[in-house]
Full PDB file with SEQRES, HELIX, SHEET, SSBOND, CRYST1, ORIGX, SCALE, CONECT and MASTER records, all heavy atoms in Angstrom:
SEQRES   1 A   38  GLY ASP VAL VAL ASP GLU ALA ALA LEU ILE ALA ALA LEU          
SEQRES   2 A   38  GLN ASP GLY GLN ILE GLY GLY ALA GLY LEU ASP VAL TYR          
SEQRES   3 A   38  GLU GLN GLU PRO THR VAL PRO LYS ALA LEU THR ASN              
HELIX    1 AA1 GLU A    6  GLN A   14  1                                   9    
HELIX    2 AA2 LYS A   34  THR A   37  1                                   4    
CRYST1    1.000    1.000    1.000  90.00  90.00  90.00 P 1           1          
ORIGX1      1.000000  0.000000  0.000000        0.00000                         
ORIGX2      0.000000  1.000000  0.000000        0.00000                         
ORIGX3      0.000000  0.000000  1.000000        0.00000                         
SCALE1      1.000000  0.000000  0.000000        0.00000                         
SCALE2      0.000000  1.000000  0.000000        0.00000                         
SCALE3      0.000000  0.000000  1.000000        0.00000                         
ATOM      1  N   GLY A   1      -2.955  -9.795  -1.759  1.00  0.00           N  
ATOM      2  CA  GLY A   1      -1.992  -8.871  -1.943  1.00  0.00           C  
ATOM      3  C   GLY A   1      -1.543  -8.463  -3.243  1.00  0.00           C  
ATOM      4  O   GLY A   1      -1.437  -7.234  -3.641  1.00  0.00           O  
ATOM      5  N   ASP A   2      -1.325  -9.551  -4.042  1.00  0.00           N  
ATOM      6  CA  ASP A   2      -0.734  -9.247  -5.460  1.00  0.00           C  
ATOM      7  C   ASP A   2      -1.830  -8.755  -6.313  1.00  0.00           C  
ATOM      8  O   ASP A   2      -1.480  -8.502  -7.536  1.00  0.00           O  
ATOM      9  CB  ASP A   2       0.062 -10.445  -5.868  1.00  0.00           C  
ATOM     10  CG  ASP A   2      -0.705 -11.741  -6.107  1.00  0.00           C  
ATOM     11  OD1 ASP A   2      -1.992 -11.699  -5.894  1.00  0.00           O  
ATOM     12  OD2 ASP A   2      -0.121 -12.700  -6.465  1.00  0.00           O  
ATOM     13  N   VAL A   3      -3.000  -8.702  -6.101  1.00  0.00           N  
ATOM     14  CA  VAL A   3      -4.046  -8.109  -6.865  1.00  0.00           C  
ATOM     15  C   VAL A   3      -3.706  -6.597  -7.120  1.00  0.00           C  
ATOM     16  O   VAL A   3      -4.145  -5.956  -8.017  1.00  0.00           O  
ATOM     17  CB  VAL A   3      -5.489  -8.225  -6.268  1.00  0.00           C  
ATOM     18  CG1 VAL A   3      -6.568  -7.445  -6.975  1.00  0.00           C  
ATOM     19  CG2 VAL A   3      -5.881  -9.737  -6.382  1.00  0.00           C  
ATOM     20  N   VAL A   4      -3.071  -5.932  -6.097  1.00  0.00           N  
ATOM     21  CA  VAL A   4      -2.778  -4.624  -6.049  1.00  0.00           C  
ATOM     22  C   VAL A   4      -1.181  -4.397  -6.305  1.00  0.00           C  
ATOM     23  O   VAL A   4      -0.440  -5.062  -5.838  1.00  0.00           O  
ATOM     24  CB  VAL A   4      -3.129  -4.015  -4.671  1.00  0.00           C  
ATOM     25  CG1 VAL A   4      -2.703  -2.488  -4.706  1.00  0.00           C  
ATOM     26  CG2 VAL A   4      -4.568  -4.196  -4.406  1.00  0.00           C  
ATOM     27  N   ASP A   5      -0.970  -3.402  -7.180  1.00  0.00           N  
ATOM     28  CA  ASP A   5       0.323  -2.951  -7.410  1.00  0.00           C  
ATOM     29  C   ASP A   5       0.689  -2.060  -6.193  1.00  0.00           C  
ATOM     30  O   ASP A   5       0.336  -0.813  -6.194  1.00  0.00           O  
ATOM     31  CB  ASP A   5       0.466  -2.096  -8.671  1.00  0.00           C  
ATOM     32  CG  ASP A   5       1.912  -1.578  -8.863  1.00  0.00           C  
ATOM     33  OD1 ASP A   5       2.747  -1.576  -7.990  1.00  0.00           O  
ATOM     34  OD2 ASP A   5       2.273  -1.288 -10.044  1.00  0.00           O  
ATOM     35  N   GLU A   6       1.456  -2.668  -5.148  1.00  0.00           N  
ATOM     36  CA  GLU A   6       1.630  -2.044  -3.903  1.00  0.00           C  
ATOM     37  C   GLU A   6       2.437  -0.735  -4.022  1.00  0.00           C  
ATOM     38  O   GLU A   6       2.144   0.205  -3.385  1.00  0.00           O  
ATOM     39  CB  GLU A   6       2.286  -2.891  -2.928  1.00  0.00           C  
ATOM     40  CG  GLU A   6       2.004  -2.681  -1.515  1.00  0.00           C  
ATOM     41  CD  GLU A   6       2.318  -3.856  -0.497  1.00  0.00           C  
ATOM     42  OE1 GLU A   6       3.556  -4.274  -0.621  1.00  0.00           O  
ATOM     43  OE2 GLU A   6       1.381  -4.387   0.016  1.00  0.00           O  
ATOM     44  N   ALA A   7       3.336  -0.709  -5.017  1.00  0.00           N  
ATOM     45  CA  ALA A   7       4.104   0.451  -5.156  1.00  0.00           C  
ATOM     46  C   ALA A   7       3.226   1.685  -5.670  1.00  0.00           C  
ATOM     47  O   ALA A   7       3.327   2.907  -5.339  1.00  0.00           O  
ATOM     48  CB  ALA A   7       5.272   0.267  -6.184  1.00  0.00           C  
ATOM     49  N   ALA A   8       2.278   1.358  -6.567  1.00  0.00           N  
ATOM     50  CA  ALA A   8       1.322   2.344  -7.099  1.00  0.00           C  
ATOM     51  C   ALA A   8       0.395   2.719  -5.996  1.00  0.00           C  
ATOM     52  O   ALA A   8       0.094   4.022  -5.938  1.00  0.00           O  
ATOM     53  CB  ALA A   8       0.529   1.781  -8.312  1.00  0.00           C  
ATOM     54  N   LEU A   9      -0.032   1.908  -5.139  1.00  0.00           N  
ATOM     55  CA  LEU A   9      -0.881   2.202  -3.974  1.00  0.00           C  
ATOM     56  C   LEU A   9      -0.134   3.258  -3.159  1.00  0.00           C  
ATOM     57  O   LEU A   9      -0.666   4.326  -2.724  1.00  0.00           O  
ATOM     58  CB  LEU A   9      -1.261   1.165  -3.210  1.00  0.00           C  
ATOM     59  CG  LEU A   9      -2.013   1.385  -1.977  1.00  0.00           C  
ATOM     60  CD1 LEU A   9      -3.394   2.199  -2.111  1.00  0.00           C  
ATOM     61  CD2 LEU A   9      -2.418   0.109  -1.191  1.00  0.00           C  
ATOM     62  N   ILE A  10       1.139   2.979  -2.714  1.00  0.00           N  
ATOM     63  CA  ILE A  10       2.007   3.920  -1.875  1.00  0.00           C  
ATOM     64  C   ILE A  10       2.073   5.194  -2.565  1.00  0.00           C  
ATOM     65  O   ILE A  10       1.926   6.178  -1.946  1.00  0.00           O  
ATOM     66  CB  ILE A  10       3.236   3.314  -1.645  1.00  0.00           C  
ATOM     67  CG1 ILE A  10       3.063   1.942  -0.780  1.00  0.00           C  
ATOM     68  CG2 ILE A  10       4.283   4.205  -0.924  1.00  0.00           C  
ATOM     69  CD1 ILE A  10       4.376   1.074  -0.685  1.00  0.00           C  
ATOM     70  N   ALA A  11       2.402   5.233  -3.856  1.00  0.00           N  
ATOM     71  CA  ALA A  11       2.611   6.525  -4.659  1.00  0.00           C  
ATOM     72  C   ALA A  11       1.218   7.334  -4.486  1.00  0.00           C  
ATOM     73  O   ALA A  11       1.322   8.534  -4.401  1.00  0.00           O  
ATOM     74  CB  ALA A  11       2.940   6.290  -5.987  1.00  0.00           C  
ATOM     75  N   ALA A  12       0.136   6.678  -4.713  1.00  0.00           N  
ATOM     76  CA  ALA A  12      -1.247   7.351  -4.718  1.00  0.00           C  
ATOM     77  C   ALA A  12      -1.544   7.953  -3.293  1.00  0.00           C  
ATOM     78  O   ALA A  12      -2.020   9.104  -3.221  1.00  0.00           O  
ATOM     79  CB  ALA A  12      -2.372   6.377  -5.147  1.00  0.00           C  
ATOM     80  N   LEU A  13      -1.160   7.229  -2.294  1.00  0.00           N  
ATOM     81  CA  LEU A  13      -1.394   7.702  -0.880  1.00  0.00           C  
ATOM     82  C   LEU A  13      -0.437   8.857  -0.573  1.00  0.00           C  
ATOM     83  O   LEU A  13      -0.850   9.965  -0.125  1.00  0.00           O  
ATOM     84  CB  LEU A  13      -1.092   6.631   0.010  1.00  0.00           C  
ATOM     85  CG  LEU A  13      -2.239   5.500   0.130  1.00  0.00           C  
ATOM     86  CD1 LEU A  13      -1.705   4.207   0.718  1.00  0.00           C  
ATOM     87  CD2 LEU A  13      -3.381   6.098   0.887  1.00  0.00           C  
ATOM     88  N   GLN A  14       0.935   8.780  -1.013  1.00  0.00           N  
ATOM     89  CA  GLN A  14       1.838   9.787  -0.731  1.00  0.00           C  
ATOM     90  C   GLN A  14       1.572  11.025  -1.573  1.00  0.00           C  
ATOM     91  O   GLN A  14       1.877  12.222  -1.018  1.00  0.00           O  
ATOM     92  CB  GLN A  14       3.257   9.307  -1.071  1.00  0.00           C  
ATOM     93  CG  GLN A  14       3.781   8.217  -0.085  1.00  0.00           C  
ATOM     94  CD  GLN A  14       5.047   7.722  -0.468  1.00  0.00           C  
ATOM     95  OE1 GLN A  14       5.439   7.682  -1.729  1.00  0.00           O  
ATOM     96  NE2 GLN A  14       5.923   7.076   0.509  1.00  0.00           N  
ATOM     97  N   ASP A  15       0.946  10.923  -2.746  1.00  0.00           N  
ATOM     98  CA  ASP A  15       0.737  12.124  -3.501  1.00  0.00           C  
ATOM     99  C   ASP A  15      -0.675  12.752  -3.280  1.00  0.00           C  
ATOM    100  O   ASP A  15      -1.074  13.708  -3.936  1.00  0.00           O  
ATOM    101  CB  ASP A  15       0.723  11.686  -5.006  1.00  0.00           C  
ATOM    102  CG  ASP A  15       2.205  11.344  -5.521  1.00  0.00           C  
ATOM    103  OD1 ASP A  15       3.089  11.604  -4.690  1.00  0.00           O  
ATOM    104  OD2 ASP A  15       2.301  10.657  -6.505  1.00  0.00           O  
ATOM    105  N   GLY A  16      -1.327  12.125  -2.284  1.00  0.00           N  
ATOM    106  CA  GLY A  16      -2.755  12.605  -2.172  1.00  0.00           C  
ATOM    107  C   GLY A  16      -3.810  12.247  -3.131  1.00  0.00           C  
ATOM    108  O   GLY A  16      -4.804  12.977  -3.223  1.00  0.00           O  
ATOM    109  N   GLN A  17      -3.625  11.333  -4.040  1.00  0.00           N  
ATOM    110  CA  GLN A  17      -4.571  10.945  -5.088  1.00  0.00           C  
ATOM    111  C   GLN A  17      -5.730  10.318  -4.504  1.00  0.00           C  
ATOM    112  O   GLN A  17      -6.827  10.432  -4.999  1.00  0.00           O  
ATOM    113  CB  GLN A  17      -3.901  10.041  -6.104  1.00  0.00           C  
ATOM    114  CG  GLN A  17      -2.888  10.706  -7.022  1.00  0.00           C  
ATOM    115  CD  GLN A  17      -2.403   9.737  -8.125  1.00  0.00           C  
ATOM    116  OE1 GLN A  17      -2.181   8.480  -7.793  1.00  0.00           O  
ATOM    117  NE2 GLN A  17      -2.258  10.096  -9.325  1.00  0.00           N  
ATOM    118  N   ILE A  18      -5.573   9.755  -3.394  1.00  0.00           N  
ATOM    119  CA  ILE A  18      -6.697   9.067  -2.662  1.00  0.00           C  
ATOM    120  C   ILE A  18      -6.560   9.404  -1.180  1.00  0.00           C  
ATOM    121  O   ILE A  18      -5.641   9.841  -0.649  1.00  0.00           O  
ATOM    122  CB  ILE A  18      -6.651   7.480  -2.885  1.00  0.00           C  
ATOM    123  CG1 ILE A  18      -5.500   6.791  -2.177  1.00  0.00           C  
ATOM    124  CG2 ILE A  18      -6.752   7.085  -4.294  1.00  0.00           C  
ATOM    125  CD1 ILE A  18      -5.495   5.325  -2.305  1.00  0.00           C  
ATOM    126  N   GLY A  19      -7.786   9.124  -0.532  1.00  0.00           N  
ATOM    127  CA  GLY A  19      -7.810   9.703   0.885  1.00  0.00           C  
ATOM    128  C   GLY A  19      -7.245   8.741   1.974  1.00  0.00           C  
ATOM    129  O   GLY A  19      -6.876   9.121   2.979  1.00  0.00           O  
ATOM    130  N   GLY A  20      -7.112   7.406   1.708  1.00  0.00           N  
ATOM    131  CA  GLY A  20      -6.661   6.473   2.612  1.00  0.00           C  
ATOM    132  C   GLY A  20      -6.765   5.074   2.120  1.00  0.00           C  
ATOM    133  O   GLY A  20      -7.390   4.826   1.071  1.00  0.00           O  
ATOM    134  N   ALA A  21      -6.447   4.126   2.924  1.00  0.00           N  
ATOM    135  CA  ALA A  21      -6.464   2.707   2.503  1.00  0.00           C  
ATOM    136  C   ALA A  21      -6.618   1.854   3.758  1.00  0.00           C  
ATOM    137  O   ALA A  21      -6.101   2.238   4.810  1.00  0.00           O  
ATOM    138  CB  ALA A  21      -5.246   2.275   1.757  1.00  0.00           C  
ATOM    139  N   GLY A  22      -7.387   0.676   3.647  1.00  0.00           N  
ATOM    140  CA  GLY A  22      -7.473  -0.277   4.735  1.00  0.00           C  
ATOM    141  C   GLY A  22      -7.076  -1.631   4.071  1.00  0.00           C  
ATOM    142  O   GLY A  22      -7.826  -2.112   3.095  1.00  0.00           O  
ATOM    143  N   LEU A  23      -6.032  -2.228   4.589  1.00  0.00           N  
ATOM    144  CA  LEU A  23      -5.422  -3.453   3.957  1.00  0.00           C  
ATOM    145  C   LEU A  23      -5.498  -4.622   4.966  1.00  0.00           C  
ATOM    146  O   LEU A  23      -5.106  -4.547   6.127  1.00  0.00           O  
ATOM    147  CB  LEU A  23      -4.097  -3.176   3.527  1.00  0.00           C  
ATOM    148  CG  LEU A  23      -3.899  -1.885   2.641  1.00  0.00           C  
ATOM    149  CD1 LEU A  23      -2.396  -1.656   2.356  1.00  0.00           C  
ATOM    150  CD2 LEU A  23      -4.773  -2.056   1.356  1.00  0.00           C  
ATOM    151  N   ASP A  24      -5.926  -5.799   4.546  1.00  0.00           N  
ATOM    152  CA  ASP A  24      -5.739  -7.006   5.289  1.00  0.00           C  
ATOM    153  C   ASP A  24      -4.748  -7.957   4.636  1.00  0.00           C  
ATOM    154  O   ASP A  24      -4.419  -8.984   5.252  1.00  0.00           O  
ATOM    155  CB  ASP A  24      -7.107  -7.699   5.377  1.00  0.00           C  
ATOM    156  CG  ASP A  24      -7.158  -8.875   6.419  1.00  0.00           C  
ATOM    157  OD1 ASP A  24      -6.499  -8.622   7.372  1.00  0.00           O  
ATOM    158  OD2 ASP A  24      -7.765  -9.858   6.152  1.00  0.00           O  
ATOM    159  N   VAL A  25      -4.316  -7.688   3.395  1.00  0.00           N  
ATOM    160  CA  VAL A  25      -3.386  -8.531   2.734  1.00  0.00           C  
ATOM    161  C   VAL A  25      -2.288  -7.557   1.950  1.00  0.00           C  
ATOM    162  O   VAL A  25      -2.562  -6.426   1.836  1.00  0.00           O  
ATOM    163  CB  VAL A  25      -4.059  -9.335   1.588  1.00  0.00           C  
ATOM    164  CG1 VAL A  25      -4.910 -10.435   2.260  1.00  0.00           C  
ATOM    165  CG2 VAL A  25      -5.013  -8.458   0.742  1.00  0.00           C  
ATOM    166  N   TYR A  26      -1.294  -8.279   1.738  1.00  0.00           N  
ATOM    167  CA  TYR A  26       0.009  -7.510   1.122  1.00  0.00           C  
ATOM    168  C   TYR A  26       0.671  -8.225   0.100  1.00  0.00           C  
ATOM    169  O   TYR A  26       0.705  -9.455   0.038  1.00  0.00           O  
ATOM    170  CB  TYR A  26       0.906  -7.218   2.342  1.00  0.00           C  
ATOM    171  CG  TYR A  26       0.248  -6.620   3.541  1.00  0.00           C  
ATOM    172  CD1 TYR A  26      -0.356  -7.412   4.487  1.00  0.00           C  
ATOM    173  CD2 TYR A  26      -0.048  -5.189   3.580  1.00  0.00           C  
ATOM    174  CE1 TYR A  26      -1.126  -6.886   5.522  1.00  0.00           C  
ATOM    175  CE2 TYR A  26      -0.801  -4.654   4.600  1.00  0.00           C  
ATOM    176  CZ  TYR A  26      -1.351  -5.441   5.577  1.00  0.00           C  
ATOM    177  OH  TYR A  26      -2.027  -4.935   6.704  1.00  0.00           O  
ATOM    178  N   GLU A  27       1.327  -7.485  -0.779  1.00  0.00           N  
ATOM    179  CA  GLU A  27       1.865  -8.110  -2.024  1.00  0.00           C  
ATOM    180  C   GLU A  27       3.038  -9.063  -1.654  1.00  0.00           C  
ATOM    181  O   GLU A  27       3.216 -10.098  -2.255  1.00  0.00           O  
ATOM    182  CB  GLU A  27       2.457  -7.050  -2.972  1.00  0.00           C  
ATOM    183  CG  GLU A  27       2.845  -7.609  -4.245  1.00  0.00           C  
ATOM    184  CD  GLU A  27       3.056  -6.502  -5.309  1.00  0.00           C  
ATOM    185  OE1 GLU A  27       2.973  -5.344  -4.989  1.00  0.00           O  
ATOM    186  OE2 GLU A  27       3.463  -6.908  -6.444  1.00  0.00           O  
ATOM    187  N   GLN A  28       3.848  -8.748  -0.607  1.00  0.00           N  
ATOM    188  CA  GLN A  28       4.998  -9.683  -0.212  1.00  0.00           C  
ATOM    189  C   GLN A  28       4.715 -10.100   1.192  1.00  0.00           C  
ATOM    190  O   GLN A  28       5.628 -10.152   1.989  1.00  0.00           O  
ATOM    191  CB  GLN A  28       6.299  -8.816  -0.291  1.00  0.00           C  
ATOM    192  CG  GLN A  28       6.652  -8.263  -1.683  1.00  0.00           C  
ATOM    193  CD  GLN A  28       6.814  -9.372  -2.747  1.00  0.00           C  
ATOM    194  OE1 GLN A  28       7.182 -10.467  -2.379  1.00  0.00           O  
ATOM    195  NE2 GLN A  28       6.424  -9.123  -3.884  1.00  0.00           N  
ATOM    196  N   GLU A  29       3.511 -10.564   1.516  1.00  0.00           N  
ATOM    197  CA  GLU A  29       3.134 -11.017   2.797  1.00  0.00           C  
ATOM    198  C   GLU A  29       4.046 -11.985   3.425  1.00  0.00           C  
ATOM    199  O   GLU A  29       4.398 -12.908   2.650  1.00  0.00           O  
ATOM    200  CB  GLU A  29       1.587 -11.472   2.709  1.00  0.00           C  
ATOM    201  CG  GLU A  29       0.932 -11.611   4.045  1.00  0.00           C  
ATOM    202  CD  GLU A  29      -0.523 -11.892   3.831  1.00  0.00           C  
ATOM    203  OE1 GLU A  29      -1.198 -11.135   3.004  1.00  0.00           O  
ATOM    204  OE2 GLU A  29      -1.067 -12.772   4.405  1.00  0.00           O  
ATOM    205  N   PRO A  30       4.443 -11.936   4.669  1.00  0.00           N  
ATOM    206  CA  PRO A  30       4.066 -10.984   5.716  1.00  0.00           C  
ATOM    207  C   PRO A  30       4.824  -9.680   5.801  1.00  0.00           C  
ATOM    208  O   PRO A  30       4.704  -8.921   6.720  1.00  0.00           O  
ATOM    209  CB  PRO A  30       4.341 -11.826   7.003  1.00  0.00           C  
ATOM    210  CG  PRO A  30       5.482 -12.637   6.685  1.00  0.00           C  
ATOM    211  CD  PRO A  30       5.334 -13.003   5.228  1.00  0.00           C  
ATOM    212  N   THR A  31       5.751  -9.359   4.755  1.00  0.00           N  
ATOM    213  CA  THR A  31       6.397  -8.162   4.743  1.00  0.00           C  
ATOM    214  C   THR A  31       5.410  -7.013   4.418  1.00  0.00           C  
ATOM    215  O   THR A  31       4.776  -7.055   3.374  1.00  0.00           O  
ATOM    216  CB  THR A  31       7.567  -8.166   3.793  1.00  0.00           C  
ATOM    217  OG1 THR A  31       8.541  -9.237   4.103  1.00  0.00           O  
ATOM    218  CG2 THR A  31       8.332  -6.969   3.697  1.00  0.00           C  
ATOM    219  N   VAL A  32       5.480  -5.994   5.166  1.00  0.00           N  
ATOM    220  CA  VAL A  32       4.666  -4.673   4.945  1.00  0.00           C  
ATOM    221  C   VAL A  32       5.686  -3.599   4.754  1.00  0.00           C  
ATOM    222  O   VAL A  32       6.379  -3.255   5.675  1.00  0.00           O  
ATOM    223  CB  VAL A  32       3.695  -4.480   5.987  1.00  0.00           C  
ATOM    224  CG1 VAL A  32       2.835  -3.255   5.746  1.00  0.00           C  
ATOM    225  CG2 VAL A  32       2.803  -5.737   6.211  1.00  0.00           C  
ATOM    226  N   PRO A  33       5.523  -2.873   3.663  1.00  0.00           N  
ATOM    227  CA  PRO A  33       6.531  -1.790   3.380  1.00  0.00           C  
ATOM    228  C   PRO A  33       6.411  -0.621   4.547  1.00  0.00           C  
ATOM    229  O   PRO A  33       5.280  -0.360   5.051  1.00  0.00           O  
ATOM    230  CB  PRO A  33       6.028  -1.205   2.051  1.00  0.00           C  
ATOM    231  CG  PRO A  33       5.384  -2.192   1.451  1.00  0.00           C  
ATOM    232  CD  PRO A  33       4.674  -3.132   2.508  1.00  0.00           C  
ATOM    233  N   LYS A  34       7.613  -0.235   4.976  1.00  0.00           N  
ATOM    234  CA  LYS A  34       7.649   0.913   5.875  1.00  0.00           C  
ATOM    235  C   LYS A  34       6.816   2.078   5.368  1.00  0.00           C  
ATOM    236  O   LYS A  34       6.246   2.839   6.227  1.00  0.00           O  
ATOM    237  CB  LYS A  34       9.080   1.445   5.968  1.00  0.00           C  
ATOM    238  CG  LYS A  34       9.858   0.442   6.969  1.00  0.00           C  
ATOM    239  CD  LYS A  34       9.469   0.518   8.355  1.00  0.00           C  
ATOM    240  CE  LYS A  34      10.259  -0.323   9.295  1.00  0.00           C  
ATOM    241  NZ  LYS A  34       9.723  -0.239  10.722  1.00  0.00           N  
ATOM    242  N   ALA A  35       6.722   2.338   4.138  1.00  0.00           N  
ATOM    243  CA  ALA A  35       5.896   3.491   3.661  1.00  0.00           C  
ATOM    244  C   ALA A  35       4.633   3.342   4.091  1.00  0.00           C  
ATOM    245  O   ALA A  35       3.840   4.398   4.228  1.00  0.00           O  
ATOM    246  CB  ALA A  35       6.059   3.498   2.071  1.00  0.00           C  
ATOM    247  N   LEU A  36       3.986   2.077   4.191  1.00  0.00           N  
ATOM    248  CA  LEU A  36       2.646   2.050   4.536  1.00  0.00           C  
ATOM    249  C   LEU A  36       2.435   2.069   6.146  1.00  0.00           C  
ATOM    250  O   LEU A  36       1.555   2.744   6.633  1.00  0.00           O  
ATOM    251  CB  LEU A  36       1.991   0.585   4.174  1.00  0.00           C  
ATOM    252  CG  LEU A  36       1.811   0.449   2.670  1.00  0.00           C  
ATOM    253  CD1 LEU A  36       1.406  -0.977   2.346  1.00  0.00           C  
ATOM    254  CD2 LEU A  36       0.682   1.443   2.134  1.00  0.00           C  
ATOM    255  N   THR A  37       3.329   1.369   6.865  1.00  0.00           N  
ATOM    256  CA  THR A  37       3.262   1.538   8.350  1.00  0.00           C  
ATOM    257  C   THR A  37       3.471   2.887   8.856  1.00  0.00           C  
ATOM    258  O   THR A  37       3.082   3.247   9.904  1.00  0.00           O  
ATOM    259  CB  THR A  37       4.247   0.587   8.959  1.00  0.00           C  
ATOM    260  OG1 THR A  37       5.676   0.946   8.578  1.00  0.00           O  
ATOM    261  CG2 THR A  37       4.146  -0.849   8.533  1.00  0.00           C  
ATOM    262  N   ASN A  38       4.130   3.815   8.086  1.00  0.00           N  
ATOM    263  CA  ASN A  38       4.358   5.144   8.542  1.00  0.00           C  
ATOM    264  C   ASN A  38       3.295   6.061   8.210  1.00  0.00           C  
ATOM    265  O   ASN A  38       3.251   7.174   8.815  1.00  0.00           O  
ATOM    266  CB  ASN A  38       5.727   5.596   7.836  1.00  0.00           C  
ATOM    267  CG  ASN A  38       6.962   5.087   8.377  1.00  0.00           C  
ATOM    268  OD1 ASN A  38       6.994   4.571   9.414  1.00  0.00           O  
ATOM    269  ND2 ASN A  38       8.027   5.070   7.627  1.00  0.00           N  
TER     270      ASN A  38                                                      
MASTER        0    0    0    2    0    0    0    6  269    1    0    3          
END                                                                             
């Protein structure tokens, strides 16, 4: 999970910079940000 800057990923998804994401791991596992689950 910590290979990825999760905040930057969320921003890229929210801003439409990328089309989507598939994640099996998380930066603060097992906590998954609401922004992703939504």
